[in-house]
Amino acid sequence: MVDDAAAVPLWTRAVADERFRAELIDDPLRAVAAAGNIDVSSEQMRLLDEMDATSRAELVTEVVRRVHWAGGAARFGGIGSDGRIGGLPGT
């Protein structure tokens, strides 16, 4: 909803800011309005606003989980078949 180059994408803020994440789950319209410079599409807002709080919590938690998982995999490698980060030693 903000065209400013300094605007923070909605999901970047949700991942980085636990308080904003909780507010987003509770009341997405109020959370975005109070946060100020958030880059969010009207479609994203409509989707979040139409969900009940339980569904929003599941969606937001899954987005955060996937972002952290991808970041960990990028830094340390994927999970190997044996369950170790980075896979088997020497591979």
PDB file of N, CA and C in Angstrom:
ATOM      1  N   MET A   1       0.798  -1.182   0.000  1.00  0.00           N
ATOM      2  CA  MET A   1       0.000   0.000   0.000  1.00  0.00           C
ATOM      3  C   MET A   1       0.852   1.261   0.000  1.00  0.00           C
ATOM      4  N   VAL A   2       2.136   1.113   0.192  1.00  0.00           N
ATOM      5  CA  VAL A   2       3.056   2.247   0.237  1.00  0.00           C
ATOM      6  C   VAL A   2       3.979   2.149  -0.971  1.00  0.00           C
ATOM      7  N   ASP A   3       4.162   3.248  -1.695  1.00  0.00           N
ATOM      8  CA  ASP A   3       5.005   3.250  -2.881  1.00  0.00           C
ATOM      9  C   ASP A   3       6.411   3.758  -2.605  1.00  0.00           C
ATOM     10  N   ASP A   4       6.744   3.980  -1.376  1.00  0.00           N
ATOM     11  CA  ASP A   4       8.036   4.520  -0.976  1.00  0.00           C
ATOM     12  C   ASP A   4       9.116   3.429  -1.057  1.00  0.00           C
ATOM     13  N   ALA A   5      10.275   3.784  -1.590  1.00  0.00           N
ATOM     14  CA  ALA A   5      11.372   2.829  -1.720  1.00  0.00           C
ATOM     15  C   ALA A   5      11.865   2.343  -0.359  1.00  0.00           C
ATOM     16  N   ALA A   6      11.645   3.118   0.701  1.00  0.00           N
ATOM     17  CA  ALA A   6      12.095   2.738   2.041  1.00  0.00           C
ATOM     18  C   ALA A   6      11.089   1.831   2.755  1.00  0.00           C
ATOM     19  N   ALA A   7       9.969   1.549   2.127  1.00  0.00           N
ATOM     20  CA  ALA A   7       8.948   0.710   2.755  1.00  0.00           C
ATOM     21  C   ALA A   7       9.486  -0.707   2.962  1.00  0.00           C
ATOM     22  N   VAL A   8       9.100  -1.295   4.079  1.00  0.00           N
ATOM     23  CA  VAL A   8       9.517  -2.658   4.419  1.00  0.00           C
ATOM     24  C   VAL A   8       8.417  -3.612   3.963  1.00  0.00           C
ATOM     25  N   PRO A   9       8.768  -4.645   3.207  1.00  0.00           N
ATOM     26  CA  PRO A   9       7.752  -5.614   2.791  1.00  0.00           C
ATOM     27  C   PRO A   9       7.060  -6.248   4.004  1.00  0.00           C
ATOM     28  N   LEU A  10       5.781  -6.506   3.866  1.00  0.00           N
ATOM     29  CA  LEU A  10       4.972  -7.058   4.941  1.00  0.00           C
ATOM     30  C   LEU A  10       5.625  -8.279   5.582  1.00  0.00           C
ATOM     31  N   TRP A  11       6.024  -9.250   4.764  1.00  0.00           N
ATOM     32  CA  TRP A  11       6.524 -10.506   5.324  1.00  0.00           C
ATOM     33  C   TRP A  11       7.920 -10.345   5.917  1.00  0.00           C
ATOM     34  N   THR A  12       8.697  -9.415   5.409  1.00  0.00           N
ATOM     35  CA  THR A  12      10.004  -9.132   6.020  1.00  0.00           C
ATOM     36  C   THR A  12       9.793  -8.621   7.438  1.00  0.00           C
ATOM     37  N   ARG A  13       8.862  -7.699   7.588  1.00  0.00           N
ATOM     38  CA  ARG A  13       8.565  -7.155   8.920  1.00  0.00           C
ATOM     39  C   ARG A  13       7.992  -8.231   9.834  1.00  0.00           C
ATOM     40  N   ALA A  14       7.097  -9.060   9.296  1.00  0.00           N
ATOM     41  CA  ALA A  14       6.479 -10.113  10.113  1.00  0.00           C
ATOM     42  C   ALA A  14       7.514 -11.113  10.624  1.00  0.00           C
ATOM     43  N   VAL A  15       8.502 -11.429   9.793  1.00  0.00           N
ATOM     44  CA  VAL A  15       9.543 -12.371  10.206  1.00  0.00           C
ATOM     45  C   VAL A  15      10.472 -11.725  11.226  1.00  0.00           C
ATOM     46  N   ALA A  16      10.814 -10.477  11.013  1.00  0.00           N
ATOM     47  CA  ALA A  16      11.822  -9.807  11.839  1.00  0.00           C
ATOM     48  C   ALA A  16      11.294  -9.256  13.159  1.00  0.00           C
ATOM     49  N   ASP A  17      10.008  -9.001  13.243  1.00  0.00           N
ATOM     50  CA  ASP A  17       9.451  -8.284  14.394  1.00  0.00           C
ATOM     51  C   ASP A  17       8.340  -9.105  15.043  1.00  0.00           C
ATOM     52  N   GLU A  18       8.670  -9.738  16.152  1.00  0.00           N
ATOM     53  CA  GLU A  18       7.718 -10.620  16.838  1.00  0.00           C
ATOM     54  C   GLU A  18       6.458  -9.872  17.290  1.00  0.00           C
ATOM     55  N   ARG A  19       6.634  -8.654  17.747  1.00  0.00           N
ATOM     56  CA  ARG A  19       5.479  -7.857  18.198  1.00  0.00           C
ATOM     57  C   ARG A  19       4.545  -7.542  17.031  1.00  0.00           C
ATOM     58  N   PHE A  20       5.116  -7.119  15.910  1.00  0.00           N
ATOM     59  CA  PHE A  20       4.306  -6.852  14.715  1.00  0.00           C
ATOM     60  C   PHE A  20       3.592  -8.125  14.268  1.00  0.00           C
ATOM     61  N   ARG A  21       4.299  -9.237  14.321  1.00  0.00           N
ATOM     62  CA  ARG A  21       3.722 -10.532  13.923  1.00  0.00           C
ATOM     63  C   ARG A  21       2.482 -10.841  14.765  1.00  0.00           C
ATOM     64  N   ALA A  22       2.563 -10.645  16.072  1.00  0.00           N
ATOM     65  CA  ALA A  22       1.416 -10.897  16.949  1.00  0.00           C
ATOM     66  C   ALA A  22       0.264  -9.941  16.630  1.00  0.00           C
ATOM     67  N   GLU A  23       0.594  -8.679  16.377  1.00  0.00           N
ATOM     68  CA  GLU A  23      -0.433  -7.695  16.028  1.00  0.00           C
ATOM     69  C   GLU A  23      -1.068  -8.020  14.677  1.00  0.00           C
ATOM     70  N   LEU A  24      -0.272  -8.510  13.743  1.00  0.00           N
ATOM     71  CA  LEU A  24      -0.773  -8.888  12.420  1.00  0.00           C
ATOM     72  C   LEU A  24      -1.781 -10.018  12.534  1.00  0.00           C
ATOM     73  N   ILE A  25      -1.503 -10.957  13.407  1.00  0.00           N
ATOM     74  CA  ILE A  25      -2.424 -12.073  13.620  1.00  0.00           C
ATOM     75  C   ILE A  25      -3.711 -11.572  14.284  1.00  0.00           C
ATOM     76  N   ASP A  26      -3.576 -10.701  15.255  1.00  0.00           N
ATOM     77  CA  ASP A  26      -4.727 -10.205  15.997  1.00  0.00           C
ATOM     78  C   ASP A  26      -5.640  -9.325  15.146  1.00  0.00           C
ATOM     79  N   ASP A  27      -5.066  -8.341  14.468  1.00  0.00           N
ATOM     80  CA  ASP A  27      -5.849  -7.395  13.663  1.00  0.00           C
ATOM     81  C   ASP A  27      -4.948  -6.837  12.560  1.00  0.00           C
ATOM     82  N   PRO A  28      -4.964  -7.457  11.377  1.00  0.00           N
ATOM     83  CA  PRO A  28      -4.024  -7.058  10.322  1.00  0.00           C
ATOM     84  C   PRO A  28      -4.157  -5.611   9.861  1.00  0.00           C
ATOM     85  N   LEU A  29      -5.358  -5.104   9.756  1.00  0.00           N
ATOM     86  CA  LEU A  29      -5.528  -3.725   9.295  1.00  0.00           C
ATOM     87  C   LEU A  29      -4.929  -2.736  10.288  1.00  0.00           C
ATOM     88  N   ARG A  30      -5.212  -2.936  11.549  1.00  0.00           N
ATOM     89  CA  ARG A  30      -4.666  -2.054  12.584  1.00  0.00           C
ATOM     90  C   ARG A  30      -3.146  -2.187  12.672  1.00  0.00           C
ATOM     91  N   ALA A  31      -2.631  -3.408  12.560  1.00  0.00           N
ATOM     92  CA  ALA A  31      -1.180  -3.642  12.655  1.00  0.00           C
ATOM     93  C   ALA A  31      -0.433  -2.909  11.548  1.00  0.00           C
ATOM     94  N   VAL A  32      -0.928  -3.008  10.332  1.00  0.00           N
ATOM     95  CA  VAL A  32      -0.258  -2.356   9.199  1.00  0.00           C
ATOM     96  C   VAL A  32      -0.384  -0.838   9.312  1.00  0.00           C
ATOM     97  N   ALA A  33      -1.555  -0.366   9.701  1.00  0.00           N
ATOM     98  CA  ALA A  33      -1.740   1.080   9.854  1.00  0.00           C
ATOM     99  C   ALA A  33      -0.817   1.648  10.935  1.00  0.00           C
ATOM    100  N   ALA A  34      -0.684   0.925  12.031  1.00  0.00           N
ATOM    101  CA  ALA A  34       0.153   1.401  13.144  1.00  0.00           C
ATOM    102  C   ALA A  34       1.638   1.297  12.824  1.00  0.00           C
ATOM    103  N   ALA A  35       2.010   0.334  12.007  1.00  0.00           N
ATOM    104  CA  ALA A  35       3.431   0.112  11.697  1.00  0.00           C
ATOM    105  C   ALA A  35       3.983   1.194  10.798  1.00  0.00           C
ATOM    106  N   GLY A  36       3.133   1.817  10.011  1.00  0.00           N
ATOM    107  CA  GLY A  36       3.612   2.889   9.151  1.00  0.00           C
ATOM    108  C   GLY A  36       4.043   2.415   7.785  1.00  0.00           C
ATOM    109  N   ASN A  37       5.326   2.449   7.532  1.00  0.00           N
ATOM    110  CA  ASN A  37       5.880   2.258   6.199  1.00  0.00           C
ATOM    111  C   ASN A  37       6.018   0.784   5.809  1.00  0.00           C
ATOM    112  N   ILE A  38       4.886   0.118   5.586  1.00  0.00           N
ATOM    113  CA  ILE A  38       4.856  -1.293   5.210  1.00  0.00           C
ATOM    114  C   ILE A  38       4.402  -1.406   3.759  1.00  0.00           C
ATOM    115  N   ASP A  39       5.122  -2.169   2.989  1.00  0.00           N
ATOM    116  CA  ASP A  39       4.759  -2.423   1.592  1.00  0.00           C
ATOM    117  C   ASP A  39       3.906  -3.689   1.553  1.00  0.00           C
ATOM    118  N   VAL A  40       2.618  -3.512   1.310  1.00  0.00           N
ATOM    119  CA  VAL A  40       1.680  -4.626   1.297  1.00  0.00           C
ATOM    120  C   VAL A  40       0.650  -4.369   0.201  1.00  0.00           C
ATOM    121  N   SER A  41       0.302  -5.401  -0.522  1.00  0.00           N
ATOM    122  CA  SER A  41      -0.690  -5.238  -1.584  1.00  0.00           C
ATOM    123  C   SER A  41      -2.101  -5.288  -1.006  1.00  0.00           C
ATOM    124  N   SER A  42      -3.019  -4.735  -1.740  1.00  0.00           N
ATOM    125  CA  SER A  42      -4.414  -4.783  -1.303  1.00  0.00           C
ATOM    126  C   SER A  42      -4.909  -6.225  -1.265  1.00  0.00           C
ATOM    127  N   GLU A  43      -4.404  -7.063  -2.144  1.00  0.00           N
ATOM    128  CA  GLU A  43      -4.782  -8.481  -2.150  1.00  0.00           C
ATOM    129  C   GLU A  43      -4.288  -9.179  -0.882  1.00  0.00           C
ATOM    130  N   GLN A  44      -3.058  -8.890  -0.463  1.00  0.00           N
ATOM    131  CA  GLN A  44      -2.551  -9.473   0.785  1.00  0.00           C
ATOM    132  C   GLN A  44      -3.411  -9.035   1.963  1.00  0.00           C
ATOM    133  N   MET A  45      -3.750  -7.759   2.017  1.00  0.00           N
ATOM    134  CA  MET A  45      -4.568  -7.259   3.117  1.00  0.00           C
ATOM    135  C   MET A  45      -5.955  -7.878   3.105  1.00  0.00           C
ATOM    136  N   ARG A  46      -6.529  -8.000   1.932  1.00  0.00           N
ATOM    137  CA  ARG A  46      -7.861  -8.604   1.834  1.00  0.00           C
ATOM    138  C   ARG A  46      -7.819 -10.038   2.336  1.00  0.00           C
ATOM    139  N   LEU A  47      -6.819 -10.794   1.890  1.00  0.00           N
ATOM    140  CA  LEU A  47      -6.685 -12.191   2.306  1.00  0.00           C
ATOM    141  C   LEU A  47      -6.552 -12.296   3.824  1.00  0.00           C
ATOM    142  N   LEU A  48      -5.656 -11.508   4.407  1.00  0.00           N
ATOM    143  CA  LEU A  48      -5.441 -11.552   5.855  1.00  0.00           C
ATOM    144  C   LEU A  48      -6.686 -11.114   6.621  1.00  0.00           C
ATOM    145  N   ASP A  49      -7.344 -10.081   6.136  1.00  0.00           N
ATOM    146  CA  ASP A  49      -8.515  -9.554   6.825  1.00  0.00           C
ATOM    147  C   ASP A  49      -9.685 -10.532   6.794  1.00  0.00           C
ATOM    148  N   GLU A  50      -9.806 -11.303   5.732  1.00  0.00           N
ATOM    149  CA  GLU A  50     -10.917 -12.241   5.605  1.00  0.00           C
ATOM    150  C   GLU A  50     -10.704 -13.534   6.397  1.00  0.00           C
ATOM    151  N   MET A  51      -9.480 -13.795   6.818  1.00  0.00           N
ATOM    152  CA  MET A  51      -9.188 -15.004   7.595  1.00  0.00           C
ATOM    153  C   MET A  51      -9.559 -14.795   9.053  1.00  0.00           C
ATOM    154  N   ASP A  52      -9.904 -15.895   9.736  1.00  0.00           N
ATOM    155  CA  ASP A  52     -10.067 -15.779  11.185  1.00  0.00           C
ATOM    156  C   ASP A  52      -8.677 -15.810  11.820  1.00  0.00           C
ATOM    157  N   ALA A  53      -8.604 -15.446  13.089  1.00  0.00           N
ATOM    158  CA  ALA A  53      -7.306 -15.317  13.762  1.00  0.00           C
ATOM    159  C   ALA A  53      -6.520 -16.630  13.771  1.00  0.00           C
ATOM    160  N   THR A  54      -7.201 -17.749  13.897  1.00  0.00           N
ATOM    161  CA  THR A  54      -6.516 -19.048  13.909  1.00  0.00           C
ATOM    162  C   THR A  54      -5.864 -19.318  12.561  1.00  0.00           C
ATOM    163  N   SER A  55      -6.586 -19.056  11.484  1.00  0.00           N
ATOM    164  CA  SER A  55      -6.033 -19.262  10.140  1.00  0.00           C
ATOM    165  C   SER A  55      -4.882 -18.304   9.867  1.00  0.00           C
ATOM    166  N   ARG A  56      -5.023 -17.048  10.313  1.00  0.00           N
ATOM    167  CA  ARG A  56      -3.933 -16.073  10.153  1.00  0.00           C
ATOM    168  C   ARG A  56      -2.703 -16.535  10.912  1.00  0.00           C
ATOM    169  N   ALA A  57      -2.889 -17.024  12.124  1.00  0.00           N
ATOM    170  CA  ALA A  57      -1.758 -17.496  12.930  1.00  0.00           C
ATOM    171  C   ALA A  57      -1.041 -18.643  12.233  1.00  0.00           C
ATOM    172  N   GLU A  58      -1.800 -19.554  11.662  1.00  0.00           N
ATOM    173  CA  GLU A  58      -1.195 -20.677  10.936  1.00  0.00           C
ATOM    174  C   GLU A  58      -0.415 -20.184   9.724  1.00  0.00           C
ATOM    175  N   LEU A  59      -0.990 -19.258   8.962  1.00  0.00           N
ATOM    176  CA  LEU A  59      -0.317 -18.725   7.778  1.00  0.00           C
ATOM    177  C   LEU A  59       0.958 -17.982   8.159  1.00  0.00           C
ATOM    178  N   VAL A  60       0.857 -17.072   9.114  1.00  0.00           N
ATOM    179  CA  VAL A  60       2.010 -16.271   9.514  1.00  0.00           C
ATOM    180  C   VAL A  60       3.104 -17.166  10.084  1.00  0.00           C
ATOM    181  N   THR A  61       2.731 -18.130  10.906  1.00  0.00           N
ATOM    182  CA  THR A  61       3.716 -19.056  11.477  1.00  0.00           C
ATOM    183  C   THR A  61       4.407 -19.868  10.388  1.00  0.00           C
ATOM    184  N   GLU A  62       3.668 -20.296   9.402  1.00  0.00           N
ATOM    185  CA  GLU A  62       4.264 -21.070   8.306  1.00  0.00           C
ATOM    186  C   GLU A  62       5.214 -20.216   7.468  1.00  0.00           C
ATOM    187  N   VAL A  63       4.843 -18.964   7.204  1.00  0.00           N
ATOM    188  CA  VAL A  63       5.736 -18.074   6.464  1.00  0.00           C
ATOM    189  C   VAL A  63       7.037 -17.876   7.241  1.00  0.00           C
ATOM    190  N   VAL A  64       6.933 -17.598   8.531  1.00  0.00           N
ATOM    191  CA  VAL A  64       8.125 -17.396   9.364  1.00  0.00           C
ATOM    192  C   VAL A  64       8.978 -18.657   9.383  1.00  0.00           C
ATOM    193  N   ARG A  65       8.347 -19.806   9.554  1.00  0.00           N
ATOM    194  CA  ARG A  65       9.069 -21.082   9.577  1.00  0.00           C
ATOM    195  C   ARG A  65       9.836 -21.302   8.272  1.00  0.00           C
ATOM    196  N   ARG A  66       9.167 -21.076   7.152  1.00  0.00           N
ATOM    197  CA  ARG A  66       9.820 -21.303   5.850  1.00  0.00           C
ATOM    198  C   ARG A  66      10.985 -20.347   5.607  1.00  0.00           C
ATOM    199  N   VAL A  67      10.821 -19.102   6.026  1.00  0.00           N
ATOM    200  CA  VAL A  67      11.904 -18.132   5.852  1.00  0.00           C
ATOM    201  C   VAL A  67      13.112 -18.534   6.693  1.00  0.00           C
ATOM    202  N   HIS A  68      12.878 -18.905   7.942  1.00  0.00           N
ATOM    203  CA  HIS A  68      13.993 -19.326   8.796  1.00  0.00           C
ATOM    204  C   HIS A  68      14.625 -20.623   8.290  1.00  0.00           C
ATOM    205  N   TRP A  69      13.812 -21.537   7.819  1.00  0.00           N
ATOM    206  CA  TRP A  69      14.315 -22.799   7.266  1.00  0.00           C
ATOM    207  C   TRP A  69      15.198 -22.528   6.043  1.00  0.00           C
ATOM    208  N   ALA A  70      14.727 -21.674   5.141  1.00  0.00           N
ATOM    209  CA  ALA A  70      15.501 -21.358   3.937  1.00  0.00           C
ATOM    210  C   ALA A  70      16.797 -20.641   4.296  1.00  0.00           C
ATOM    211  N   GLY A  71      16.737 -19.739   5.273  1.00  0.00           N
ATOM    212  CA  GLY A  71      17.948 -19.042   5.707  1.00  0.00           C
ATOM    213  C   GLY A  71      18.959 -19.996   6.304  1.00  0.00           C
ATOM    214  N   GLY A  72      18.494 -20.918   7.125  1.00  0.00           N
ATOM    215  CA  GLY A  72      19.387 -21.919   7.716  1.00  0.00           C
ATOM    216  C   GLY A  72      19.995 -22.824   6.661  1.00  0.00           C
ATOM    217  N   ALA A  73      19.187 -23.240   5.711  1.00  0.00           N
ATOM    218  CA  ALA A  73      19.687 -24.102   4.639  1.00  0.00           C
ATOM    219  C   ALA A  73      20.713 -23.370   3.782  1.00  0.00           C
ATOM    220  N   ALA A  74      20.495 -22.083   3.545  1.00  0.00           N
ATOM    221  CA  ALA A  74      21.448 -21.304   2.753  1.00  0.00           C
ATOM    222  C   ALA A  74      22.780 -21.150   3.485  1.00  0.00           C
ATOM    223  N   ARG A  75      22.721 -21.005   4.802  1.00  0.00           N
ATOM    224  CA  ARG A  75      23.950 -20.827   5.580  1.00  0.00           C
ATOM    225  C   ARG A  75      24.668 -22.140   5.876  1.00  0.00           C
ATOM    226  N   PHE A  76      23.899 -23.170   6.200  1.00  0.00           N
ATOM    227  CA  PHE A  76      24.517 -24.395   6.707  1.00  0.00           C
ATOM    228  C   PHE A  76      24.327 -25.616   5.827  1.00  0.00           C
ATOM    229  N   GLY A  77      23.549 -25.492   4.776  1.00  0.00           N
ATOM    230  CA  GLY A  77      23.248 -26.630   3.920  1.00  0.00           C
ATOM    231  C   GLY A  77      21.927 -27.254   4.347  1.00  0.00           C
ATOM    232  N   GLY A  78      21.415 -28.086   3.492  1.00  0.00           N
ATOM    233  CA  GLY A  78      20.139 -28.737   3.775  1.00  0.00           C
ATOM    234  C   GLY A  78      20.281 -29.822   4.830  1.00  0.00           C
ATOM    235  N   ILE A  79      19.173 -30.429   5.161  1.00  0.00           N
ATOM    236  CA  ILE A  79      19.165 -31.548   6.095  1.00  0.00           C
ATOM    237  C   ILE A  79      19.421 -32.821   5.288  1.00  0.00           C
ATOM    238  N   GLY A  80      20.452 -33.553   5.690  1.00  0.00           N
ATOM    239  CA  GLY A  80      20.784 -34.788   4.998  1.00  0.00           C
ATOM    240  C   GLY A  80      19.815 -35.902   5.322  1.00  0.00           C
ATOM    241  N   SER A  81      19.928 -37.002   4.598  1.00  0.00           N
ATOM    242  CA  SER A  81      19.037 -38.140   4.810  1.00  0.00           C
ATOM    243  C   SER A  81      19.181 -38.725   6.208  1.00  0.00           C
ATOM    244  N   ASP A  82      20.327 -38.475   6.858  1.00  0.00           N
ATOM    245  CA  ASP A  82      20.528 -38.959   8.216  1.00  0.00           C
ATOM    246  C   ASP A  82      20.065 -37.952   9.264  1.00  0.00           C
ATOM    247  N   GLY A  83      19.523 -36.827   8.821  1.00  0.00           N
ATOM    248  CA  GLY A  83      19.003 -35.825   9.741  1.00  0.00           C
ATOM    249  C   GLY A  83      20.023 -34.774  10.159  1.00  0.00           C
ATOM    250  N   ARG A  84      21.248 -34.881   9.673  1.00  0.00           N
ATOM    251  CA  ARG A  84      22.276 -33.892  10.027  1.00  0.00           C
ATOM    252  C   ARG A  84      22.182 -32.680   9.107  1.00  0.00           C
ATOM    253  N   ILE A  85      22.474 -31.526   9.687  1.00  0.00           N
ATOM    254  CA  ILE A  85      22.547 -30.315   8.882  1.00  0.00           C
ATOM    255  C   ILE A  85      23.764 -30.425   7.983  1.00  0.00           C
ATOM    256  N   GLY A  86      23.574 -30.201   6.708  1.00  0.00           N
ATOM    257  CA  GLY A  86      24.663 -30.280   5.752  1.00  0.00           C
ATOM    258  C   GLY A  86      24.867 -31.668   5.183  1.00  0.00           C
ATOM    259  N   GLY A  87      24.145 -32.650   5.693  1.00  0.00           N
ATOM    260  CA  GLY A  87      24.266 -34.009   5.184  1.00  0.00           C
ATOM    261  C   GLY A  87      25.381 -34.798   5.836  1.00  0.00           C
ATOM    262  N   LEU A  88      25.696 -35.916   5.262  1.00  0.00           N
ATOM    263  CA  LEU A  88      26.738 -36.789   5.791  1.00  0.00           C
ATOM    264  C   LEU A  88      28.113 -36.130   5.705  1.00  0.00           C
ATOM    265  N   PRO A  89      28.961 -36.351   6.702  1.00  0.00           N
ATOM    266  CA  PRO A  89      30.325 -35.794   6.638  1.00  0.00           C
ATOM    267  C   PRO A  89      31.062 -36.289   5.393  1.00  0.00           C
ATOM    268  N   GLY A  90      31.792 -35.368   4.783  1.00  0.00           N
ATOM    269  CA  GLY A  90      32.589 -35.729   3.612  1.00  0.00           C
ATOM    270  C   GLY A  90      31.805 -35.822   2.308  1.00  0.00           C
ATOM    271  N   THR A  91      30.550 -35.381   2.330  1.00  0.00           N
ATOM    272  CA  THR A  91      29.777 -35.426   1.073  1.00  0.00           C
ATOM    273  C   THR A  91      29.506 -34.046   0.575  1.00  0.00           C
TER     274      THR A  91
END
